[in-house]
Amino acid sequence: MEIIRIDEIEGFINKRGIKAKQLLKNDDVQIMNLILKPGEVVPEHSVPVYVFFYIVEGRGTLKIGNEENVVSAKDIIPCPRNTEMSLKADQGETFVVLNVKTPSL
């Protein structure tokens, strides 16, 4: 059995300038742990695969297409393929998100 211990995985700064940890990647799925500092933003972009976000900790604003909502811990938000999306951490708290892409890019 494989056990992924998130706290033991080394983080890196991704191409969008956000601290990230790659938790799992195979042909079927890619799971990234994004850690946004207060006020940090993942700018609008789209990917050609299905995405969903699981909010682990904190609060922030998630924009998918033309809809924008404040999301917080334990929320799950699906995002269709090829849809513009962005994230912004609220001021004053860290915003921790699992980003799941299927199939993997």
PDB file of N, CA and C in Angstrom:
ATOM      1  N   MET A   1       0.839  -1.176   0.000  1.00  0.00           N
ATOM      2  CA  MET A   1       0.000   0.000   0.000  1.00  0.00           C
ATOM      3  C   MET A   1       0.882   1.237   0.000  1.00  0.00           C
ATOM      4  N   GLU A   2       0.556   2.172  -0.859  1.00  0.00           N
ATOM      5  CA  GLU A   2       1.274   3.433  -0.895  1.00  0.00           C
ATOM      6  C   GLU A   2       0.552   4.436  -0.001  1.00  0.00           C
ATOM      7  N   ILE A   3       1.310   5.108   0.837  1.00  0.00           N
ATOM      8  CA  ILE A   3       0.762   6.167   1.682  1.00  0.00           C
ATOM      9  C   ILE A   3       1.495   7.450   1.324  1.00  0.00           C
ATOM     10  N   ILE A   4       0.746   8.464   0.942  1.00  0.00           N
ATOM     11  CA  ILE A   4       1.331   9.756   0.590  1.00  0.00           C
ATOM     12  C   ILE A   4       1.192  10.669   1.796  1.00  0.00           C
ATOM     13  N   ARG A   5       2.301  11.054   2.351  1.00  0.00           N
ATOM     14  CA  ARG A   5       2.310  11.936   3.521  1.00  0.00           C
ATOM     15  C   ARG A   5       2.631  13.360   3.040  1.00  0.00           C
ATOM     16  N   ILE A   6       1.596  14.167   2.937  1.00  0.00           N
ATOM     17  CA  ILE A   6       1.715  15.497   2.337  1.00  0.00           C
ATOM     18  C   ILE A   6       2.791  16.331   3.030  1.00  0.00           C
ATOM     19  N   ASP A   7       2.868  16.256   4.347  1.00  0.00           N
ATOM     20  CA  ASP A   7       3.835  17.073   5.080  1.00  0.00           C
ATOM     21  C   ASP A   7       5.281  16.672   4.815  1.00  0.00           C
ATOM     22  N   GLU A   8       5.497  15.474   4.261  1.00  0.00           N
ATOM     23  CA  GLU A   8       6.856  15.001   3.986  1.00  0.00           C
ATOM     24  C   GLU A   8       7.306  15.279   2.548  1.00  0.00           C
ATOM     25  N   ILE A   9       6.418  15.807   1.723  1.00  0.00           N
ATOM     26  CA  ILE A   9       6.747  16.074   0.325  1.00  0.00           C
ATOM     27  C   ILE A   9       7.330  17.475   0.199  1.00  0.00           C
ATOM     28  N   GLU A  10       8.441  17.560  -0.495  1.00  0.00           N
ATOM     29  CA  GLU A  10       9.112  18.837  -0.721  1.00  0.00           C
ATOM     30  C   GLU A  10       8.295  19.698  -1.678  1.00  0.00           C
ATOM     31  N   GLY A  11       8.095  20.933  -1.340  1.00  0.00           N
ATOM     32  CA  GLY A  11       7.374  21.847  -2.210  1.00  0.00           C
ATOM     33  C   GLY A  11       8.312  22.559  -3.173  1.00  0.00           C
ATOM     34  N   PHE A  12       7.755  23.155  -4.195  1.00  0.00           N
ATOM     35  CA  PHE A  12       8.512  23.938  -5.172  1.00  0.00           C
ATOM     36  C   PHE A  12       7.619  25.099  -5.623  1.00  0.00           C
ATOM     37  N   ILE A  13       8.203  26.087  -6.241  1.00  0.00           N
ATOM     38  CA  ILE A  13       7.435  27.201  -6.788  1.00  0.00           C
ATOM     39  C   ILE A  13       7.079  26.839  -8.232  1.00  0.00           C
ATOM     40  N   ASN A  14       5.774  26.765  -8.529  1.00  0.00           N
ATOM     41  CA  ASN A  14       5.341  26.345  -9.865  1.00  0.00           C
ATOM     42  C   ASN A  14       5.441  27.486 -10.872  1.00  0.00           C
ATOM     43  N   LYS A  15       5.061  27.217 -12.120  1.00  0.00           N
ATOM     44  CA  LYS A  15       5.206  28.213 -13.189  1.00  0.00           C
ATOM     45  C   LYS A  15       4.307  29.437 -12.993  1.00  0.00           C
ATOM     46  N   ARG A  16       3.359  29.347 -12.087  1.00  0.00           N
ATOM     47  CA  ARG A  16       2.490  30.489 -11.800  1.00  0.00           C
ATOM     48  C   ARG A  16       2.913  31.225 -10.525  1.00  0.00           C
ATOM     49  N   GLY A  17       4.071  30.822  -9.954  1.00  0.00           N
ATOM     50  CA  GLY A  17       4.636  31.513  -8.806  1.00  0.00           C
ATOM     51  C   GLY A  17       4.065  31.107  -7.458  1.00  0.00           C
ATOM     52  N   ILE A  18       3.375  29.963  -7.408  1.00  0.00           N
ATOM     53  CA  ILE A  18       2.722  29.486  -6.186  1.00  0.00           C
ATOM     54  C   ILE A  18       3.466  28.259  -5.652  1.00  0.00           C
ATOM     55  N   LYS A  19       3.567  28.146  -4.324  1.00  0.00           N
ATOM     56  CA  LYS A  19       4.165  26.942  -3.745  1.00  0.00           C
ATOM     57  C   LYS A  19       3.249  25.757  -4.019  1.00  0.00           C
ATOM     58  N   ALA A  20       3.837  24.674  -4.524  1.00  0.00           N
ATOM     59  CA  ALA A  20       3.066  23.493  -4.889  1.00  0.00           C
ATOM     60  C   ALA A  20       3.813  22.227  -4.483  1.00  0.00           C
ATOM     61  N   LYS A  21       3.048  21.171  -4.284  1.00  0.00           N
ATOM     62  CA  LYS A  21       3.604  19.839  -4.021  1.00  0.00           C
ATOM     63  C   LYS A  21       2.895  18.866  -4.949  1.00  0.00           C
ATOM     64  N   GLN A  22       3.658  18.114  -5.729  1.00  0.00           N
ATOM     65  CA  GLN A  22       3.048  17.084  -6.562  1.00  0.00           C
ATOM     66  C   GLN A  22       2.835  15.850  -5.694  1.00  0.00           C
ATOM     67  N   LEU A  23       1.573  15.503  -5.461  1.00  0.00           N
ATOM     68  CA  LEU A  23       1.244  14.391  -4.572  1.00  0.00           C
ATOM     69  C   LEU A  23       1.142  13.070  -5.319  1.00  0.00           C
ATOM     70  N   LEU A  24       0.607  13.120  -6.532  1.00  0.00           N
ATOM     71  CA  LEU A  24       0.403  11.890  -7.303  1.00  0.00           C
ATOM     72  C   LEU A  24       0.302  12.252  -8.771  1.00  0.00           C
ATOM     73  N   LYS A  25       0.935  11.450  -9.607  1.00  0.00           N
ATOM     74  CA  LYS A  25       0.829  11.653 -11.053  1.00  0.00           C
ATOM     75  C   LYS A  25       0.979  10.314 -11.743  1.00  0.00           C
ATOM     76  N   ASN A  26      -0.050   9.962 -12.520  1.00  0.00           N
ATOM     77  CA  ASN A  26       0.009   8.796 -13.396  1.00  0.00           C
ATOM     78  C   ASN A  26      -0.821   9.132 -14.634  1.00  0.00           C
ATOM     79  N   ASP A  27      -1.075   8.160 -15.500  1.00  0.00           N
ATOM     80  CA  ASP A  27      -1.819   8.445 -16.731  1.00  0.00           C
ATOM     81  C   ASP A  27      -3.250   8.902 -16.470  1.00  0.00           C
ATOM     82  N   ASP A  28      -3.823   8.506 -15.336  1.00  0.00           N
ATOM     83  CA  ASP A  28      -5.233   8.763 -15.053  1.00  0.00           C
ATOM     84  C   ASP A  28      -5.506  10.042 -14.274  1.00  0.00           C
ATOM     85  N   VAL A  29      -4.559  10.457 -13.440  1.00  0.00           N
ATOM     86  CA  VAL A  29      -4.830  11.574 -12.535  1.00  0.00           C
ATOM     87  C   VAL A  29      -3.533  12.280 -12.141  1.00  0.00           C
ATOM     88  N   GLN A  30      -3.662  13.568 -11.865  1.00  0.00           N
ATOM     89  CA  GLN A  30      -2.573  14.344 -11.287  1.00  0.00           C
ATOM     90  C   GLN A  30      -3.155  15.116 -10.108  1.00  0.00           C
ATOM     91  N   ILE A  31      -2.527  14.987  -8.938  1.00  0.00           N
ATOM     92  CA  ILE A  31      -2.990  15.699  -7.747  1.00  0.00           C
ATOM     93  C   ILE A  31      -1.865  16.601  -7.262  1.00  0.00           C
ATOM     94  N   MET A  32      -2.190  17.897  -7.197  1.00  0.00           N
ATOM     95  CA  MET A  32      -1.239  18.885  -6.708  1.00  0.00           C
ATOM     96  C   MET A  32      -1.807  19.534  -5.452  1.00  0.00           C
ATOM     97  N   ASN A  33      -0.931  19.830  -4.513  1.00  0.00           N
ATOM     98  CA  ASN A  33      -1.281  20.572  -3.310  1.00  0.00           C
ATOM     99  C   ASN A  33      -0.753  21.990  -3.507  1.00  0.00           C
ATOM    100  N   LEU A  34      -1.654  22.966  -3.612  1.00  0.00           N
ATOM    101  CA  LEU A  34      -1.269  24.360  -3.791  1.00  0.00           C
ATOM    102  C   LEU A  34      -1.378  25.084  -2.463  1.00  0.00           C
ATOM    103  N   ILE A  35      -0.348  25.843  -2.112  1.00  0.00           N
ATOM    104  CA  ILE A  35      -0.319  26.568  -0.849  1.00  0.00           C
ATOM    105  C   ILE A  35      -0.138  28.048  -1.172  1.00  0.00           C
ATOM    106  N   LEU A  36      -1.234  28.801  -1.097  1.00  0.00           N
ATOM    107  CA  LEU A  36      -1.201  30.224  -1.420  1.00  0.00           C
ATOM    108  C   LEU A  36      -1.068  31.036  -0.144  1.00  0.00           C
ATOM    109  N   LYS A  37      -0.107  31.943  -0.132  1.00  0.00           N
ATOM    110  CA  LYS A  37       0.035  32.879   0.981  1.00  0.00           C
ATOM    111  C   LYS A  37      -1.081  33.914   0.876  1.00  0.00           C
ATOM    112  N   PRO A  38      -1.384  34.619   1.974  1.00  0.00           N
ATOM    113  CA  PRO A  38      -2.436  35.640   1.931  1.00  0.00           C
ATOM    114  C   PRO A  38      -2.246  36.602   0.757  1.00  0.00           C
ATOM    115  N   GLY A  39      -3.310  36.767  -0.031  1.00  0.00           N
ATOM    116  CA  GLY A  39      -3.293  37.680  -1.155  1.00  0.00           C
ATOM    117  C   GLY A  39      -2.703  37.126  -2.445  1.00  0.00           C
ATOM    118  N   GLU A  40      -2.063  35.946  -2.404  1.00  0.00           N
ATOM    119  CA  GLU A  40      -1.488  35.380  -3.628  1.00  0.00           C
ATOM    120  C   GLU A  40      -2.576  34.948  -4.604  1.00  0.00           C
ATOM    121  N   VAL A  41      -2.226  34.964  -5.882  1.00  0.00           N
ATOM    122  CA  VAL A  41      -3.179  34.686  -6.946  1.00  0.00           C
ATOM    123  C   VAL A  41      -2.602  33.662  -7.923  1.00  0.00           C
ATOM    124  N   VAL A  42      -3.441  32.715  -8.326  1.00  0.00           N
ATOM    125  CA  VAL A  42      -3.165  31.877  -9.494  1.00  0.00           C
ATOM    126  C   VAL A  42      -3.929  32.549 -10.627  1.00  0.00           C
ATOM    127  N   PRO A  43      -3.221  33.134 -11.606  1.00  0.00           N
ATOM    128  CA  PRO A  43      -3.906  33.890 -12.644  1.00  0.00           C
ATOM    129  C   PRO A  43      -4.795  33.011 -13.527  1.00  0.00           C
ATOM    130  N   GLU A  44      -5.716  33.659 -14.233  1.00  0.00           N
ATOM    131  CA  GLU A  44      -6.639  32.938 -15.106  1.00  0.00           C
ATOM    132  C   GLU A  44      -5.887  32.125 -16.140  1.00  0.00           C
ATOM    133  N   HIS A  45      -6.342  30.886 -16.294  1.00  0.00           N
ATOM    134  CA  HIS A  45      -5.794  29.968 -17.286  1.00  0.00           C
ATOM    135  C   HIS A  45      -6.802  28.841 -17.481  1.00  0.00           C
ATOM    136  N   SER A  46      -6.594  28.024 -18.476  1.00  0.00           N
ATOM    137  CA  SER A  46      -7.448  26.854 -18.678  1.00  0.00           C
ATOM    138  C   SER A  46      -6.566  25.659 -19.007  1.00  0.00           C
ATOM    139  N   VAL A  47      -7.111  24.475 -18.798  1.00  0.00           N
ATOM    140  CA  VAL A  47      -6.410  23.237 -19.141  1.00  0.00           C
ATOM    141  C   VAL A  47      -7.373  22.337 -19.913  1.00  0.00           C
ATOM    142  N   PRO A  48      -6.840  21.448 -20.753  1.00  0.00           N
ATOM    143  CA  PRO A  48      -7.705  20.621 -21.603  1.00  0.00           C
ATOM    144  C   PRO A  48      -8.243  19.363 -20.920  1.00  0.00           C
ATOM    145  N   VAL A  49      -8.252  19.337 -19.591  1.00  0.00           N
ATOM    146  CA  VAL A  49      -8.740  18.172 -18.848  1.00  0.00           C
ATOM    147  C   VAL A  49      -9.722  18.624 -17.775  1.00  0.00           C
ATOM    148  N   TYR A  50     -10.475  17.667 -17.226  1.00  0.00           N
ATOM    149  CA  TYR A  50     -11.397  17.929 -16.126  1.00  0.00           C
ATOM    150  C   TYR A  50     -10.580  18.217 -14.868  1.00  0.00           C
ATOM    151  N   VAL A  51     -11.007  19.217 -14.096  1.00  0.00           N
ATOM    152  CA  VAL A  51     -10.316  19.600 -12.858  1.00  0.00           C
ATOM    153  C   VAL A  51     -11.340  19.690 -11.738  1.00  0.00           C
ATOM    154  N   PHE A  52     -10.936  19.300 -10.537  1.00  0.00           N
ATOM    155  CA  PHE A  52     -11.728  19.723  -9.388  1.00  0.00           C
ATOM    156  C   PHE A  52     -10.792  20.176  -8.295  1.00  0.00           C
ATOM    157  N   PHE A  53     -11.314  21.064  -7.459  1.00  0.00           N
ATOM    158  CA  PHE A  53     -10.563  21.647  -6.350  1.00  0.00           C
ATOM    159  C   PHE A  53     -11.192  21.168  -5.053  1.00  0.00           C
ATOM    160  N   TYR A  54     -10.350  20.758  -4.109  1.00  0.00           N
ATOM    161  CA  TYR A  54     -10.804  20.452  -2.748  1.00  0.00           C
ATOM    162  C   TYR A  54     -10.081  21.440  -1.845  1.00  0.00           C
ATOM    163  N   ILE A  55     -10.848  22.254  -1.132  1.00  0.00           N
ATOM    164  CA  ILE A  55     -10.257  23.265  -0.260  1.00  0.00           C
ATOM    165  C   ILE A  55      -9.913  22.603   1.079  1.00  0.00           C
ATOM    166  N   VAL A  56      -8.634  22.568   1.389  1.00  0.00           N
ATOM    167  CA  VAL A  56      -8.139  21.907   2.595  1.00  0.00           C
ATOM    168  C   VAL A  56      -8.183  22.855   3.790  1.00  0.00           C
ATOM    169  N   GLU A  57      -7.770  24.098   3.552  1.00  0.00           N
ATOM    170  CA  GLU A  57      -7.615  25.047   4.665  1.00  0.00           C
ATOM    171  C   GLU A  57      -7.772  26.464   4.146  1.00  0.00           C
ATOM    172  N   GLY A  58      -8.329  27.332   4.967  1.00  0.00           N
ATOM    173  CA  GLY A  58      -8.418  28.747   4.648  1.00  0.00           C
ATOM    174  C   GLY A  58      -9.615  29.103   3.788  1.00  0.00           C
ATOM    175  N   ARG A  59      -9.575  30.348   3.305  1.00  0.00           N
ATOM    176  CA  ARG A  59     -10.636  30.903   2.456  1.00  0.00           C
ATOM    177  C   ARG A  59     -10.002  31.631   1.292  1.00  0.00           C
ATOM    178  N   GLY A  60     -10.718  31.610   0.184  1.00  0.00           N
ATOM    179  CA  GLY A  60     -10.246  32.343  -0.975  1.00  0.00           C
ATOM    180  C   GLY A  60     -11.358  32.485  -1.991  1.00  0.00           C
ATOM    181  N   THR A  61     -11.023  33.115  -3.092  1.00  0.00           N
ATOM    182  CA  THR A  61     -11.970  33.308  -4.174  1.00  0.00           C
ATOM    183  C   THR A  61     -11.561  32.429  -5.340  1.00  0.00           C
ATOM    184  N   LEU A  62     -12.518  31.674  -5.843  1.00  0.00           N
ATOM    185  CA  LEU A  62     -12.291  30.807  -6.997  1.00  0.00           C
ATOM    186  C   LEU A  62     -13.187  31.299  -8.121  1.00  0.00           C
ATOM    187  N   LYS A  63     -12.577  31.518  -9.275  1.00  0.00           N
ATOM    188  CA  LYS A  63     -13.347  31.933 -10.444  1.00  0.00           C
ATOM    189  C   LYS A  63     -13.265  30.823 -11.483  1.00  0.00           C
ATOM    190  N   ILE A  64     -14.415  30.385 -11.963  1.00  0.00           N
ATOM    191  CA  ILE A  64     -14.502  29.382 -13.018  1.00  0.00           C
ATOM    192  C   ILE A  64     -15.439  29.936 -14.074  1.00  0.00           C
ATOM    193  N   GLY A  65     -14.911  30.120 -15.284  1.00  0.00           N
ATOM    194  CA  GLY A  65     -15.704  30.753 -16.323  1.00  0.00           C
ATOM    195  C   GLY A  65     -16.073  32.156 -15.877  1.00  0.00           C
ATOM    196  N   ASN A  66     -17.366  32.490 -15.921  1.00  0.00           N
ATOM    197  CA  ASN A  66     -17.834  33.814 -15.515  1.00  0.00           C
ATOM    198  C   ASN A  66     -18.317  33.862 -14.071  1.00  0.00           C
ATOM    199  N   GLU A  67     -18.226  32.731 -13.359  1.00  0.00           N
ATOM    200  CA  GLU A  67     -18.703  32.675 -11.969  1.00  0.00           C
ATOM    201  C   GLU A  67     -17.540  32.809 -10.997  1.00  0.00           C
ATOM    202  N   GLU A  68     -17.774  33.573  -9.939  1.00  0.00           N
ATOM    203  CA  GLU A  68     -16.762  33.788  -8.910  1.00  0.00           C
ATOM    204  C   GLU A  68     -17.426  33.630  -7.551  1.00  0.00           C
ATOM    205  N   ASN A  69     -16.805  32.816  -6.680  1.00  0.00           N
ATOM    206  CA  ASN A  69     -17.367  32.599  -5.344  1.00  0.00           C
ATOM    207  C   ASN A  69     -16.267  32.488  -4.313  1.00  0.00           C
ATOM    208  N   VAL A  70     -16.607  32.851  -3.083  1.00  0.00           N
ATOM    209  CA  VAL A  70     -15.718  32.616  -1.953  1.00  0.00           C
ATOM    210  C   VAL A  70     -15.897  31.162  -1.542  1.00  0.00           C
ATOM    211  N   VAL A  71     -14.778  30.462  -1.380  1.00  0.00           N
ATOM    212  CA  VAL A  71     -14.791  29.047  -0.993  1.00  0.00           C
ATOM    213  C   VAL A  71     -13.937  28.874   0.251  1.00  0.00           C
ATOM    214  N   SER A  72     -14.221  27.809   1.001  1.00  0.00           N
ATOM    215  CA  SER A  72     -13.474  27.577   2.235  1.00  0.00           C
ATOM    216  C   SER A  72     -13.333  26.079   2.491  1.00  0.00           C
ATOM    217  N   ALA A  73     -12.619  25.759   3.562  1.00  0.00           N
ATOM    218  CA  ALA A  73     -12.272  24.380   3.893  1.00  0.00           C
ATOM    219  C   ALA A  73     -13.463  23.434   3.743  1.00  0.00           C
ATOM    220  N   LYS A  74     -13.194  22.298   3.130  1.00  0.00           N
ATOM    221  CA  LYS A  74     -14.107  21.189   2.882  1.00  0.00           C
ATOM    222  C   LYS A  74     -15.019  21.387   1.673  1.00  0.00           C
ATOM    223  N   ASP A  75     -14.863  22.505   0.940  1.00  0.00           N
ATOM    224  CA  ASP A  75     -15.619  22.689  -0.301  1.00  0.00           C
ATOM    225  C   ASP A  75     -14.944  21.912  -1.430  1.00  0.00           C
ATOM    226  N   ILE A  76     -15.746  21.359  -2.330  1.00  0.00           N
ATOM    227  CA  ILE A  76     -15.271  20.703  -3.552  1.00  0.00           C
ATOM    228  C   ILE A  76     -15.916  21.435  -4.722  1.00  0.00           C
ATOM    229  N   ILE A  77     -15.085  21.846  -5.670  1.00  0.00           N
ATOM    230  CA  ILE A  77     -15.577  22.644  -6.788  1.00  0.00           C
ATOM    231  C   ILE A  77     -15.089  22.033  -8.096  1.00  0.00           C
ATOM    232  N   PRO A  78     -16.002  21.526  -8.934  1.00  0.00           N
ATOM    233  CA  PRO A  78     -15.595  20.970 -10.229  1.00  0.00           C
ATOM    234  C   PRO A  78     -15.412  22.075 -11.272  1.00  0.00           C
ATOM    235  N   CYS A  79     -14.535  21.803 -12.242  1.00  0.00           N
ATOM    236  CA  CYS A  79     -14.273  22.729 -13.336  1.00  0.00           C
ATOM    237  C   CYS A  79     -14.192  21.946 -14.639  1.00  0.00           C
ATOM    238  N   PRO A  80     -15.056  22.263 -15.611  1.00  0.00           N
ATOM    239  CA  PRO A  80     -15.022  21.556 -16.888  1.00  0.00           C
ATOM    240  C   PRO A  80     -13.716  21.809 -17.669  1.00  0.00           C
ATOM    241  N   ARG A  81     -13.453  20.928 -18.606  1.00  0.00           N
ATOM    242  CA  ARG A  81     -12.300  21.095 -19.497  1.00  0.00           C
ATOM    243  C   ARG A  81     -12.368  22.455 -20.199  1.00  0.00           C
ATOM    244  N   ASN A  82     -11.181  22.979 -20.523  1.00  0.00           N
ATOM    245  CA  ASN A  82     -11.052  24.187 -21.347  1.00  0.00           C
ATOM    246  C   ASN A  82     -11.850  25.380 -20.825  1.00  0.00           C
ATOM    247  N   THR A  83     -11.964  25.495 -19.506  1.00  0.00           N
ATOM    248  CA  THR A  83     -12.684  26.605 -18.883  1.00  0.00           C
ATOM    249  C   THR A  83     -11.691  27.460 -18.103  1.00  0.00           C
ATOM    250  N   GLU A  84     -11.756  28.767 -18.301  1.00  0.00           N
ATOM    251  CA  GLU A  84     -10.865  29.679 -17.577  1.00  0.00           C
ATOM    252  C   GLU A  84     -11.118  29.562 -16.076  1.00  0.00           C
ATOM    253  N   MET A  85     -10.033  29.538 -15.303  1.00  0.00           N
ATOM    254  CA  MET A  85     -10.128  29.439 -13.842  1.00  0.00           C
ATOM    255  C   MET A  85      -9.036  30.276 -13.209  1.00  0.00           C
ATOM    256  N   SER A  86      -9.292  30.743 -11.985  1.00  0.00           N
ATOM    257  CA  SER A  86      -8.271  31.448 -11.216  1.00  0.00           C
ATOM    258  C   SER A  86      -8.581  31.288  -9.726  1.00  0.00           C
ATOM    259  N   LEU A  87      -7.559  31.475  -8.902  1.00  0.00           N
ATOM    260  CA  LEU A  87      -7.677  31.374  -7.442  1.00  0.00           C
ATOM    261  C   LEU A  87      -7.044  32.598  -6.811  1.00  0.00           C
ATOM    262  N   LYS A  88      -7.625  33.046  -5.698  1.00  0.00           N
ATOM    263  CA  LYS A  88      -7.004  34.125  -4.932  1.00  0.00           C
ATOM    264  C   LYS A  88      -7.217  33.857  -3.452  1.00  0.00           C
ATOM    265  N   ALA A  89      -6.115  33.864  -2.689  1.00  0.00           N
ATOM    266  CA  ALA A  89      -6.195  33.676  -1.239  1.00  0.00           C
ATOM    267  C   ALA A  89      -6.693  34.961  -0.587  1.00  0.00           C
ATOM    268  N   ASP A  90      -7.562  34.826   0.419  1.00  0.00           N
ATOM    269  CA  ASP A  90      -7.990  35.994   1.197  1.00  0.00           C
ATOM    270  C   ASP A  90      -6.780  36.593   1.916  1.00  0.00           C
ATOM    271  N   GLN A  91      -6.887  37.860   2.237  1.00  0.00           N
ATOM    272  CA  GLN A  91      -5.851  38.514   3.037  1.00  0.00           C
ATOM    273  C   GLN A  91      -5.888  37.927   4.448  1.00  0.00           C
ATOM    274  N   GLY A  92      -4.745  37.723   5.026  1.00  0.00           N
ATOM    275  CA  GLY A  92      -4.694  37.320   6.422  1.00  0.00           C
ATOM    276  C   GLY A  92      -4.699  35.824   6.693  1.00  0.00           C
ATOM    277  N   GLU A  93      -4.827  34.976   5.644  1.00  0.00           N
ATOM    278  CA  GLU A  93      -4.752  33.541   5.918  1.00  0.00           C
ATOM    279  C   GLU A  93      -4.219  32.769   4.723  1.00  0.00           C
ATOM    280  N   THR A  94      -3.568  31.670   5.036  1.00  0.00           N
ATOM    281  CA  THR A  94      -3.063  30.766   4.005  1.00  0.00           C
ATOM    282  C   THR A  94      -4.233  29.994   3.417  1.00  0.00           C
ATOM    283  N   PHE A  95      -4.176  29.745   2.127  1.00  0.00           N
ATOM    284  CA  PHE A  95      -5.236  29.070   1.371  1.00  0.00           C
ATOM    285  C   PHE A  95      -4.624  27.805   0.774  1.00  0.00           C
ATOM    286  N   VAL A  96      -5.041  26.647   1.291  1.00  0.00           N
ATOM    287  CA  VAL A  96      -4.464  25.365   0.873  1.00  0.00           C
ATOM    288  C   VAL A  96      -5.503  24.597   0.077  1.00  0.00           C
ATOM    289  N   VAL A  97      -5.123  24.197  -1.140  1.00  0.00           N
ATOM    290  CA  VAL A  97      -6.056  23.601  -2.091  1.00  0.00           C
ATOM    291  C   VAL A  97      -5.444  22.353  -2.711  1.00  0.00           C
ATOM    292  N   LEU A  98      -6.250  21.292  -2.850  1.00  0.00           N
ATOM    293  CA  LEU A  98      -5.856  20.170  -3.690  1.00  0.00           C
ATOM    294  C   LEU A  98      -6.456  20.413  -5.067  1.00  0.00           C
ATOM    295  N   ASN A  99      -5.621  20.327  -6.071  1.00  0.00           N
ATOM    296  CA  ASN A  99      -6.018  20.509  -7.461  1.00  0.00           C
ATOM    297  C   ASN A  99      -5.891  19.133  -8.122  1.00  0.00           C
ATOM    298  N   VAL A 100      -7.012  18.588  -8.584  1.00  0.00           N
ATOM    299  CA  VAL A 100      -7.025  17.239  -9.155  1.00  0.00           C
ATOM    300  C   VAL A 100      -7.380  17.337 -10.627  1.00  0.00           C
ATOM    301  N   LYS A 101      -6.506  16.827 -11.499  1.00  0.00           N
ATOM    302  CA  LYS A 101      -6.735  16.833 -12.944  1.00  0.00           C
ATOM    303  C   LYS A 101      -6.883  15.394 -13.428  1.00  0.00           C
ATOM    304  N   THR A 102      -7.912  15.175 -14.235  1.00  0.00           N
ATOM    305  CA  THR A 102      -8.112  13.846 -14.788  1.00  0.00           C
ATOM    306  C   THR A 102      -8.615  13.945 -16.225  1.00  0.00           C
ATOM    307  N   PRO A 103      -8.010  13.239 -17.164  1.00  0.00           N
ATOM    308  CA  PRO A 103      -6.763  12.486 -16.975  1.00  0.00           C
ATOM    309  C   PRO A 103      -5.581  13.435 -16.745  1.00  0.00           C
ATOM    310  N   SER A 104      -4.465  12.858 -16.405  1.00  0.00           N
ATOM    311  CA  SER A 104      -3.267  13.642 -16.114  1.00  0.00           C
ATOM    312  C   SER A 104      -2.794  14.375 -17.362  1.00  0.00           C
ATOM    313  N   LEU A 105      -2.167  15.514 -17.172  1.00  0.00           N
ATOM    314  CA  LEU A 105      -1.571  16.253 -18.298  1.00  0.00           C
ATOM    315  C   LEU A 105      -0.178  15.738 -18.575  1.00  0.00           C
TER     316      LEU A 105
END
